[in-house]
């Protein structure tokens, strides 16, 4: 009997991990910023990235130069990350130690993203000049050849944006620049037996969308990466959401993922099969003039004191690290969570968690979009305990892919507050966990150990509502929380230390 229980335990654990490491069922473009390599004692590096979570990794960022050339921003990290660990004794680089090699071993493509918010000033001049365009396209080929890339991602923020030297001519010139790159990398690909990708990160606001020739651009690009985040932030007079799924009760009604996607598809006729939506693995904080809440006056200053590592825009793991300083709330209209500071902490934090990521993933499925882009993947790599240096999991990416691969029947992006999703914090935990989930009538929650034994069970007969519940578990081990609702179910693995 004991051997049978052990065998069942092994099968149970393997089944769980097979779900976690399943390949994405839609496009998942994960941005990896080279500068994050240094963070947390190089916790998220080429050999610790879980490539099974992504279909494409975009390495960010390289910078366009005034002469049309393209330069890295950190020669040391760029070399090691893209070419591999340096063999100081014999020269060259150790094989299968670079992000590119390891991603390719996992059948994941790698692109270099050129541009970004702080590196877009030179795009307008390059795009306006036939010689500079040709030089830039040639340098895209050099990048592809040097680093064995699968293509290029252009992150011009944004054509026509005066703050980055944009002009009215950018609308036409952006098309010309993309076509030049397309022709050059396709010629390179043909000569080397490769199919090359050209993608672009584009703005989510209607005003910036107006500066792109969508009827032409959509035929040049393989993927259109919609940056559906940064809608609201510390720059606004009142607190609001960084990345709402639907329009909040206040603020610009077009500043949300749904509005941006529908406008792109309906007004500009961009096919759903080309669009990947942005999901934010980070949040935005702002200090408030009085008690923190949604839609209250802000000071216009991010909370750099609580979140110094991210200059007030905390990556998800830093949100979780400081979670006990806040109270979580859920916006039923915008379908995203937010945090308000406890005690004298007058700070508002907009962020995404497993529940809101599940809803966005379901929206992508419901609208038959190509997939998602993640800014940025390192925010989701949680340690087993803070400072342990051991990766405990990637809960947001897991949630994204779980919905993509097996969307529960009970989830609906039209009425997303009824989603059968469940979150567990902290994970791993020490004897007490907080479970967060939505319930409807005839819902039940069950927690089982690796032996399949039920250690906790509760039924809910009330009307639809959001539940945040603390549960004590005295025995260390691996557990699974199982939520069953009318029309679907959800489960979440967690560890008690």
Protein backbone atom coordinates (compact mmCIF):
# COMPACT_ATOMS: atom_id res chain seq x y z
CA UNK A 1 0.00 0.00 0.00
CA UNK A 2 2.85 2.38 0.86
CA UNK A 3 4.56 1.77 -2.51
CA UNK A 4 1.27 2.38 -4.30
CA UNK A 5 0.84 5.72 -2.53
CA UNK A 6 4.39 6.75 -3.44
CA UNK A 7 3.78 5.81 -7.09
CA UNK A 8 0.52 7.79 -7.13
CA UNK A 9 2.36 10.76 -5.63
CA UNK A 10 5.01 10.67 -8.33
CA UNK A 11 2.37 10.42 -11.07
CA UNK A 12 0.44 13.30 -9.51
CA UNK A 13 3.50 15.56 -9.35
CA UNK A 14 4.58 14.65 -12.89
CA UNK A 15 1.09 15.47 -14.14
CA UNK A 16 1.25 18.86 -12.49
CA UNK A 17 4.63 19.67 -13.96
CA UNK A 18 3.61 18.46 -17.40
CA UNK A 19 0.88 21.10 -17.33
CA UNK A 20 3.27 23.77 -16.15
CA UNK A 21 5.85 23.06 -18.86
CA UNK A 22 3.48 22.62 -21.79
CA UNK A 23 4.41 24.59 -24.91
CA UNK A 24 2.41 27.76 -25.59
CA UNK A 25 -0.70 27.25 -27.69
CA UNK A 26 -0.63 30.82 -29.02
CA UNK A 27 2.12 33.28 -29.74
CA UNK A 28 3.82 34.39 -26.53
CA UNK A 29 6.43 37.07 -27.16
CA UNK A 30 8.50 37.64 -24.05
CA UNK A 31 10.69 40.73 -23.86
CA UNK A 32 13.97 40.21 -22.02
CA UNK A 33 15.74 43.49 -21.17
CA UNK A 34 19.51 42.97 -21.13
CA UNK A 35 19.92 45.23 -18.11
CA UNK A 36 17.80 42.91 -15.97
CA UNK A 37 20.56 40.30 -16.21
CA UNK A 38 22.29 42.03 -13.31
CA UNK A 39 19.22 42.02 -11.05
CA UNK A 40 18.90 39.71 -8.04
CA UNK A 41 22.44 38.40 -8.48
CA UNK A 42 21.70 37.41 -12.08
CA UNK A 43 18.72 35.29 -11.11
CA UNK A 44 17.12 35.42 -14.58
CA UNK A 45 19.84 34.57 -17.07
CA UNK A 46 19.99 32.43 -20.20
CA UNK A 47 20.32 29.12 -18.35
CA UNK A 48 17.55 29.88 -15.84
CA UNK A 49 14.90 31.17 -18.27
CA UNK A 50 12.03 28.72 -18.76
CA UNK A 51 11.80 28.85 -22.55
CA UNK A 52 8.75 26.58 -22.57
CA UNK A 53 6.68 29.61 -21.59
CA UNK A 54 7.40 31.56 -24.79
CA UNK A 55 7.41 31.18 -28.56
CA UNK A 56 9.61 34.23 -29.18
CA UNK A 57 12.08 36.08 -26.96
CA UNK A 58 12.73 39.71 -27.90
CA UNK A 59 16.05 40.94 -26.56
CA UNK A 60 15.73 44.61 -25.60
CA UNK A 61 17.17 47.01 -26.62
CA UNK A 62 19.64 47.98 -29.34
CA UNK A 63 19.85 51.64 -30.33
CA UNK A 64 19.56 53.22 -33.80
CA UNK A 65 22.41 55.65 -34.44
CA UNK A 66 22.34 58.88 -36.45
CA UNK A 67 24.21 57.29 -39.38
CA UNK A 68 21.77 54.38 -39.60
CA UNK A 69 23.98 51.93 -37.76
CA UNK A 70 22.70 49.99 -34.73
CA UNK A 71 24.54 49.71 -31.43
CA UNK A 72 24.07 47.77 -28.24
CA UNK A 73 23.62 49.60 -24.96
CA UNK A 74 25.91 47.40 -22.83
CA UNK A 75 28.68 45.71 -24.76
CA UNK A 76 29.59 43.39 -21.88
CA UNK A 77 26.12 42.00 -21.16
CA UNK A 78 25.09 41.97 -24.82
CA UNK A 79 28.07 39.82 -25.72
CA UNK A 80 27.58 37.28 -22.96
CA UNK A 81 23.82 37.08 -23.25
CA UNK A 82 23.67 36.87 -27.04
CA UNK A 83 26.92 35.02 -27.85
CA UNK A 84 27.51 33.01 -24.68
CA UNK A 85 29.83 32.89 -21.72
CA UNK A 86 33.35 33.95 -22.64
CA UNK A 87 36.07 31.33 -22.79
CA UNK A 88 38.84 33.45 -21.35
CA UNK A 89 41.47 30.70 -21.72
CA UNK A 90 40.98 29.81 -25.37
CA UNK A 91 38.94 32.74 -26.67
CA UNK A 92 35.48 32.72 -28.13
CA UNK A 93 32.36 31.65 -26.28
CA UNK A 94 31.20 28.42 -24.69
CA UNK A 95 28.52 26.79 -26.84
CA UNK A 96 24.95 26.50 -25.58
CA UNK A 97 25.39 29.21 -22.95
CA UNK A 98 23.78 32.10 -24.83
CA UNK A 99 20.14 33.11 -24.76
CA UNK A 100 20.02 32.49 -28.51
CA UNK A 101 21.42 28.95 -28.38
CA UNK A 102 19.32 27.89 -25.42
CA UNK A 103 16.16 29.37 -26.91
CA UNK A 104 16.81 27.64 -30.24
CA UNK A 105 17.41 24.35 -28.40
CA UNK A 106 13.88 24.79 -27.02
CA UNK A 107 12.46 25.66 -30.46
CA UNK A 108 11.98 29.30 -29.43
CA UNK A 109 12.86 32.15 -31.80
CA UNK A 110 14.97 35.15 -30.79
CA UNK A 111 14.70 38.67 -32.16
CA UNK A 112 16.56 41.83 -31.20
CA UNK A 113 14.28 44.75 -30.45
CA UNK A 114 15.64 48.02 -31.78
CA UNK A 115 14.47 51.22 -30.14
CA UNK A 116 12.38 51.58 -27.01
CA UNK A 117 11.08 54.68 -25.26
CA UNK A 118 14.46 56.25 -24.53
CA UNK A 119 16.14 55.20 -27.78
CA UNK A 120 13.68 56.38 -30.43
CA UNK A 121 14.98 59.88 -31.16
CA UNK A 122 16.92 58.90 -34.31
CA UNK A 123 14.22 56.89 -36.07
CA UNK A 124 12.53 59.82 -37.80
CA UNK A 125 15.72 61.07 -39.48
CA UNK A 126 16.75 57.55 -40.51
CA UNK A 127 13.34 56.77 -42.00
CA UNK A 128 13.29 60.03 -43.98
CA UNK A 129 16.57 59.45 -45.83
CA UNK A 130 17.01 56.81 -48.53
CA UNK A 131 20.70 56.24 -47.70
CA UNK A 132 20.12 56.01 -43.95
CA UNK A 133 17.20 53.62 -44.47
CA UNK A 134 19.40 51.35 -46.56
CA UNK A 135 22.19 51.49 -43.99
CA UNK A 136 19.80 50.73 -41.16
CA UNK A 137 18.33 47.75 -43.00
CA UNK A 138 21.84 46.50 -43.77
CA UNK A 139 22.71 46.74 -40.09
CA UNK A 140 19.60 44.73 -39.23
CA UNK A 141 21.05 41.98 -41.44
CA UNK A 142 24.40 42.29 -39.65
CA UNK A 143 22.66 41.80 -36.31
CA UNK A 144 20.83 38.74 -37.59
CA UNK A 145 24.04 37.23 -38.91
CA UNK A 146 26.21 38.11 -35.90
CA UNK A 147 23.84 36.70 -33.31
CA UNK A 148 22.05 34.02 -35.38
CA UNK A 149 18.73 35.78 -34.92
CA UNK A 150 15.34 34.85 -36.33
CA UNK A 151 14.44 38.44 -37.15
CA UNK A 152 14.11 42.02 -35.96
CA UNK A 153 11.56 43.82 -33.80
CA UNK A 154 11.21 47.58 -34.39
CA UNK A 155 10.15 49.53 -31.33
CA UNK A 156 9.84 53.10 -32.62
CA UNK A 157 8.01 55.08 -29.94
CA UNK A 158 6.39 56.60 -31.94
CA UNK A 159 6.14 57.66 -35.58
CA UNK A 160 4.97 61.27 -35.56
CA UNK A 161 5.65 61.78 -31.85
CA UNK A 162 7.15 65.26 -31.54
CA UNK A 163 8.76 64.45 -28.19
CA UNK A 164 11.08 62.02 -30.01
CA UNK A 165 11.78 64.21 -33.03
CA UNK A 166 8.80 62.88 -34.95
CA UNK A 167 7.28 64.64 -37.96
CA UNK A 168 4.18 64.32 -40.12
CA UNK A 169 6.31 62.59 -42.76
CA UNK A 170 6.92 59.66 -40.40
CA UNK A 171 3.62 58.09 -41.42
CA UNK A 172 4.85 57.36 -44.95
CA UNK A 173 8.49 56.95 -43.98
CA UNK A 174 7.73 54.28 -41.39
CA UNK A 175 6.30 52.13 -44.17
CA UNK A 176 9.37 52.76 -46.33
CA UNK A 177 11.70 51.85 -43.48
CA UNK A 178 9.86 48.63 -42.70
CA UNK A 179 9.79 47.63 -46.36
CA UNK A 180 13.54 48.23 -46.65
CA UNK A 181 14.16 46.03 -43.61
CA UNK A 182 11.75 43.39 -44.92
CA UNK A 183 13.52 43.19 -48.27
CA UNK A 184 16.97 43.03 -46.69
CA UNK A 185 16.32 40.37 -44.07
CA UNK A 186 14.30 38.28 -46.55
CA UNK A 187 17.24 38.33 -48.96
CA UNK A 188 19.53 37.27 -46.12
CA UNK A 189 17.10 34.55 -45.09
CA UNK A 190 16.82 33.18 -48.63
CA UNK A 191 20.59 33.00 -48.94
CA UNK A 192 20.84 31.12 -45.64
CA UNK A 193 17.76 28.91 -45.81
CA UNK A 194 15.92 30.78 -43.06
CA UNK A 195 12.52 32.41 -42.81
CA UNK A 196 12.99 35.76 -41.09
CA UNK A 197 10.50 37.59 -38.90
CA UNK A 198 9.86 41.32 -38.88
CA UNK A 199 7.71 42.59 -36.04
CA UNK A 200 6.94 45.98 -34.56
CA UNK A 201 5.83 47.22 -31.16
CA UNK A 202 3.08 49.80 -31.68
CA UNK A 203 1.27 52.31 -29.50
CA UNK A 204 -2.13 51.53 -28.04
CA UNK A 205 -3.52 55.07 -28.20
CA UNK A 206 -5.70 56.14 -31.13
CA UNK A 207 -3.72 59.36 -31.63
CA UNK A 208 -0.46 57.45 -32.16
CA UNK A 209 -2.14 54.77 -34.27
CA UNK A 210 -3.16 57.53 -36.69
CA UNK A 211 0.50 58.01 -37.68
CA UNK A 212 0.86 54.58 -39.26
CA UNK A 213 -0.24 53.40 -42.74
CA UNK A 214 -1.94 50.29 -41.45
CA UNK A 215 -3.13 49.08 -44.85
CA UNK A 216 0.52 48.86 -45.95
CA UNK A 217 2.27 48.01 -42.69
CA UNK A 218 0.12 45.00 -41.86
CA UNK A 219 1.32 43.32 -45.06
CA UNK A 220 4.99 43.94 -44.24
CA UNK A 221 5.00 42.80 -40.63
CA UNK A 222 4.65 39.23 -39.39
CA UNK A 223 3.40 40.33 -35.98
CA UNK A 224 2.03 43.59 -34.60
CA UNK A 225 2.91 43.86 -30.91
CA UNK A 226 0.29 46.13 -29.33
CA UNK A 227 1.67 47.83 -26.20
CA UNK A 228 -1.57 47.75 -24.24
CA UNK A 229 -0.18 49.12 -21.00
CA UNK A 230 0.98 52.50 -19.63
CA UNK A 231 -2.51 53.87 -20.21
CA UNK A 232 -2.48 55.72 -16.89
CA UNK A 233 0.28 56.43 -14.39
CA UNK A 234 1.86 58.88 -11.99
CA UNK A 235 1.70 61.54 -14.71
CA UNK A 236 -2.09 61.72 -14.32
CA UNK A 237 -3.87 64.00 -11.86
CA UNK A 238 -5.88 61.13 -10.41
CA UNK A 239 -5.12 57.49 -9.72
CA UNK A 240 -6.08 54.98 -12.41
CA UNK A 241 -5.04 51.68 -13.94
CA UNK A 242 -1.80 50.95 -15.77
CA UNK A 243 -3.33 48.30 -18.03
CA UNK A 244 -7.13 48.00 -17.73
CA UNK A 245 -8.84 45.31 -19.77
CA UNK A 246 -11.99 47.43 -20.15
CA UNK A 247 -12.65 51.15 -19.73
CA UNK A 248 -12.53 52.28 -16.08
CA UNK A 249 -15.39 54.37 -14.70
CA UNK A 250 -13.23 57.48 -15.04
CA UNK A 251 -10.57 58.61 -17.50
CA UNK A 252 -10.25 58.36 -21.27
CA UNK A 253 -12.67 55.65 -22.38
CA UNK A 254 -10.27 54.57 -25.15
CA UNK A 255 -7.41 53.87 -22.72
CA UNK A 256 -7.86 50.14 -22.28
CA UNK A 257 -6.91 46.91 -24.01
CA UNK A 258 -10.36 46.19 -25.40
CA UNK A 259 -10.75 49.63 -26.97
CA UNK A 260 -7.26 49.52 -28.52
CA UNK A 261 -7.76 46.06 -30.00
CA UNK A 262 -11.21 46.77 -31.38
CA UNK A 263 -10.11 50.08 -32.89
CA UNK A 264 -7.15 48.43 -34.59
CA UNK A 265 -9.33 45.68 -36.04
CA UNK A 266 -12.49 47.60 -36.87
CA UNK A 267 -11.24 51.05 -37.88
CA UNK A 268 -7.98 50.00 -39.56
CA UNK A 269 -9.00 46.46 -40.58
CA UNK A 270 -5.90 44.88 -39.07
CA UNK A 271 -6.47 41.11 -38.96
CA UNK A 272 -6.70 39.50 -35.54
CA UNK A 273 -4.14 36.93 -36.65
CA UNK A 274 -1.46 39.65 -36.73
CA UNK A 275 -2.15 41.18 -33.29
CA UNK A 276 -0.45 40.25 -30.04
CA UNK A 277 -1.71 42.11 -26.95
CA UNK A 278 0.57 43.49 -24.28
CA UNK A 279 0.30 42.07 -20.77
CA UNK A 280 2.15 43.87 -17.98
CA UNK A 281 4.31 41.89 -15.59
CA UNK A 282 4.90 45.14 -13.70
CA UNK A 283 2.82 47.80 -12.01
CA UNK A 284 2.79 51.55 -11.53
CA UNK A 285 2.70 53.35 -8.21
CA UNK A 286 1.80 56.90 -7.28
CA UNK A 287 1.63 58.73 -3.99
CA UNK A 288 -1.75 60.24 -3.17
CA UNK A 289 -2.55 63.56 -1.53
CA UNK A 290 -4.79 61.84 1.05
CA UNK A 291 -5.94 58.29 1.76
CA UNK A 292 -5.13 56.10 -1.28
CA UNK A 293 -7.95 54.83 -3.46
CA UNK A 294 -8.97 54.50 -7.10
CA UNK A 295 -9.78 57.82 -8.82
CA UNK A 296 -8.40 60.08 -6.07
CA UNK A 297 -5.97 62.99 -6.38
CA UNK A 298 -2.34 62.03 -6.85
CA UNK A 299 0.83 63.96 -6.12
CA UNK A 300 2.19 63.04 -9.54
CA UNK A 301 5.11 61.29 -7.84
CA UNK A 302 5.77 57.54 -7.97
CA UNK A 303 6.58 55.77 -4.70
CA UNK A 304 10.33 55.32 -5.08
CA UNK A 305 10.64 54.67 -1.36
CA UNK A 306 8.56 51.49 -1.31
CA UNK A 307 9.76 50.38 -4.75
CA UNK A 308 13.32 51.75 -5.12
CA UNK A 309 14.50 48.89 -7.35
CA UNK A 310 12.09 49.84 -10.13
CA UNK A 311 11.89 53.62 -9.68
CA UNK A 312 8.31 53.33 -8.51
CA UNK A 313 7.15 51.01 -11.31
CA UNK A 314 7.51 47.67 -9.53
CA UNK A 315 8.01 44.42 -11.33
CA UNK A 316 5.53 41.78 -10.21
CA UNK A 317 7.95 40.10 -7.81
CA UNK A 318 8.52 43.43 -6.08
CA UNK A 319 4.77 43.97 -5.81
CA UNK A 320 4.55 40.59 -4.10
CA UNK A 321 7.53 41.38 -1.86
CA UNK A 322 5.71 44.43 -0.48
CA UNK A 323 2.22 42.95 -0.64
CA UNK A 324 1.70 42.98 3.13
CA UNK A 325 1.97 46.80 3.12
CA UNK A 326 -1.19 47.08 1.04
CA UNK A 327 -4.82 46.06 0.76
CA UNK A 328 -5.94 44.51 -2.52
CA UNK A 329 -9.10 45.60 -4.33
CA UNK A 330 -10.71 44.58 -7.62
CA UNK A 331 -12.25 46.95 -10.19
CA UNK A 332 -15.28 45.10 -11.53
CA UNK A 333 -15.58 47.48 -14.48
CA UNK A 334 -11.96 47.61 -15.66
CA UNK A 335 -11.35 43.98 -14.61
CA UNK A 336 -7.97 44.54 -12.97
CA UNK A 337 -6.74 44.63 -9.37
CA UNK A 338 -5.12 47.49 -7.48
CA UNK A 339 -3.48 48.05 -4.11
CA UNK A 340 -3.92 50.80 -1.53
CA UNK A 341 -1.39 51.42 1.19
CA UNK A 342 -2.12 50.43 4.76
CA UNK A 343 -1.79 52.80 7.72
CA UNK A 344 0.03 55.99 6.78
CA UNK A 345 1.24 54.67 3.43
CA UNK A 346 -0.55 56.93 0.96
CA UNK A 347 0.36 54.93 -2.11
CA UNK A 348 -1.80 53.54 -4.92
CA UNK A 349 -0.46 50.67 -7.03
CA UNK A 350 -1.96 49.46 -10.29
CA UNK A 351 -0.72 46.04 -11.34
CA UNK A 352 -1.75 42.72 -12.90
CA UNK A 353 -2.02 39.41 -11.08
CA UNK A 354 -3.03 35.88 -12.03
CA UNK A 355 -6.73 36.74 -12.08
CA UNK A 356 -6.40 39.70 -14.46
CA UNK A 357 -3.83 37.90 -16.65
CA UNK A 358 -6.28 35.01 -17.00
CA UNK A 359 -8.99 37.41 -18.14
CA UNK A 360 -6.71 39.05 -20.69
CA UNK A 361 -5.64 35.66 -21.99
CA UNK A 362 -9.28 34.67 -22.34
CA UNK A 363 -9.99 37.92 -24.18
CA UNK A 364 -7.22 37.03 -26.64
CA UNK A 365 -8.79 33.59 -27.14
CA UNK A 366 -12.32 34.96 -27.48
CA UNK A 367 -11.23 37.51 -30.10
CA UNK A 368 -9.04 34.99 -31.93
CA UNK A 369 -5.96 37.18 -31.60
CA UNK A 370 -2.51 35.84 -32.36
CA UNK A 371 -1.31 35.93 -28.76
CA UNK A 372 0.39 38.13 -26.20
CA UNK A 373 3.54 40.11 -25.60
CA UNK A 374 5.02 40.23 -22.11
CA UNK A 375 6.78 43.28 -20.78
CA UNK A 376 8.83 41.93 -19.29
CA UNK A 377 9.57 38.32 -18.43
CA UNK A 378 11.93 38.77 -15.46
CA UNK A 379 9.17 40.35 -13.36
CA UNK A 380 7.40 36.99 -13.16
CA UNK A 381 10.33 34.93 -11.89
CA UNK A 382 9.53 34.54 -8.20
CA UNK A 383 12.08 33.15 -5.77
CA UNK A 384 11.24 30.35 -3.34
CA UNK A 385 11.87 32.97 -0.66
CA UNK A 386 13.11 36.53 -1.01
CA UNK A 387 16.86 36.52 -1.63
CA UNK A 388 17.12 32.74 -1.91
CA UNK A 389 18.50 32.89 -5.43
CA UNK A 390 16.28 29.94 -6.33
CA UNK A 391 13.44 30.39 -8.83
CA UNK A 392 10.18 29.09 -7.40
CA UNK A 393 7.93 29.66 -10.39
CA UNK A 394 6.49 31.94 -13.06
CA UNK A 395 2.82 32.25 -12.02
CA UNK A 396 1.78 34.92 -14.53
CA UNK A 397 3.26 33.15 -17.55
CA UNK A 398 1.81 29.87 -16.29
CA UNK A 399 -1.64 31.46 -16.08
CA UNK A 400 -1.33 32.99 -19.55
CA UNK A 401 -0.40 29.69 -21.15
CA UNK A 402 -2.90 27.64 -19.18
CA UNK A 403 -5.75 29.73 -20.56
CA UNK A 404 -4.24 29.71 -24.05
CA UNK A 405 -3.91 25.93 -24.04
CA UNK A 406 -7.01 24.94 -22.16
CA UNK A 407 -9.39 27.83 -21.51
CA UNK A 408 -11.86 26.68 -18.85
CA UNK A 409 -15.45 26.73 -20.06
CA UNK A 410 -16.47 28.99 -17.19
CA UNK A 411 -14.22 31.87 -18.19
CA UNK A 412 -15.69 34.65 -20.28
CA UNK A 413 -13.98 37.87 -21.31
CA UNK A 414 -17.42 39.46 -21.59
CA UNK A 415 -18.23 38.88 -17.91
CA UNK A 416 -14.70 38.30 -16.62
CA UNK A 417 -15.51 38.67 -12.93
CA UNK A 418 -17.05 35.20 -13.07
CA UNK A 419 -13.72 33.61 -14.05
CA UNK A 420 -12.76 30.33 -12.45
CA UNK A 421 -9.24 31.40 -11.54
CA UNK A 422 -7.42 31.00 -8.27
CA UNK A 423 -4.30 32.65 -6.85
CA UNK A 424 -2.18 31.59 -3.88
CA UNK A 425 0.16 33.93 -2.01
CA UNK A 426 2.83 33.67 -0.89
CA UNK A 427 4.06 30.70 -2.86
CA UNK A 428 6.05 29.03 -1.36
CA UNK A 429 4.54 29.86 2.03
CA UNK A 430 5.16 29.11 5.66
CA UNK A 431 2.06 27.46 7.14
CA UNK A 432 -0.40 30.20 6.14
CA UNK A 433 -1.53 30.94 2.60
CA UNK A 434 -3.92 33.49 1.17
CA UNK A 435 -6.20 32.23 -1.58
CA UNK A 436 -7.96 34.64 -3.94
CA UNK A 437 -10.75 33.58 -6.27
CA UNK A 438 -14.18 34.42 -7.58
CA UNK A 439 -17.16 32.27 -6.66
CA UNK A 440 -20.72 31.92 -7.82
CA UNK A 441 -23.53 29.82 -6.41
CA UNK A 442 -22.67 26.13 -5.90
CA UNK A 443 -18.90 26.72 -5.83
CA UNK A 444 -16.50 24.60 -3.81
CA UNK A 445 -12.86 24.90 -2.79
CA UNK A 446 -10.73 21.87 -2.00
CA UNK A 447 -7.03 21.56 -1.10
CA UNK A 448 -5.30 18.21 -1.55
CA UNK A 449 -1.79 17.01 -0.79
CA UNK A 450 0.42 14.92 -3.09
CA UNK A 451 -1.24 11.78 -1.78
CA UNK A 452 -4.54 13.05 -3.07
CA UNK A 453 -5.84 13.49 0.48
CA UNK A 454 -8.18 16.39 1.17
CA UNK A 455 -6.74 18.70 3.82
CA UNK A 456 -9.28 21.52 3.46
CA UNK A 457 -12.70 21.84 1.91
CA UNK A 458 -15.40 24.51 1.81
CA UNK A 459 -18.58 25.12 -0.17
CA UNK A 460 -20.04 28.48 -1.21
CA UNK A 461 -23.73 28.99 -1.85
CA UNK A 462 -23.79 32.79 -2.03
CA UNK A 463 -24.13 34.90 -5.13
CA UNK A 464 -21.14 35.79 -7.28
CA UNK A 465 -18.40 37.55 -5.33
CA UNK A 466 -14.63 37.81 -4.94
CA UNK A 467 -13.11 35.91 -2.01
CA UNK A 468 -9.77 36.47 -0.30
CA UNK A 469 -9.28 33.76 2.30
CA UNK A 470 -6.42 32.86 4.65
CA UNK A 471 -5.90 29.17 5.38
CA UNK A 472 -3.42 27.52 7.75
CA UNK A 473 -1.62 24.36 6.67
CA UNK A 474 0.71 22.95 9.30
CA UNK A 475 2.50 20.21 7.33
CA UNK A 476 5.18 21.15 4.79
CA UNK A 477 4.73 19.80 1.29
CA UNK A 478 3.24 20.29 -2.17
CA UNK A 479 -0.48 21.03 -2.34
CA UNK A 480 -3.07 21.80 -5.00
CA UNK A 481 -5.98 24.17 -4.46
CA UNK A 482 -8.97 23.15 -6.60
CA UNK A 483 -11.85 25.53 -7.28
CA UNK A 484 -15.03 24.14 -8.85
CA UNK A 485 -17.78 26.46 -10.10
CA UNK A 486 -20.79 26.07 -12.32
CA UNK A 487 -19.44 25.70 -15.85
CA UNK A 488 -15.77 25.19 -15.06
CA UNK A 489 -12.91 24.69 -12.62
CA UNK A 490 -9.40 25.87 -11.85
CA UNK A 491 -6.45 24.61 -9.87
CA UNK A 492 -3.24 26.04 -8.46
CA UNK A 493 -0.17 24.21 -7.15
CA UNK A 494 1.63 25.70 -4.15
CA UNK A 495 4.31 24.76 -1.66
CA UNK A 496 4.29 24.97 2.14
CA UNK A 497 7.78 25.03 3.66
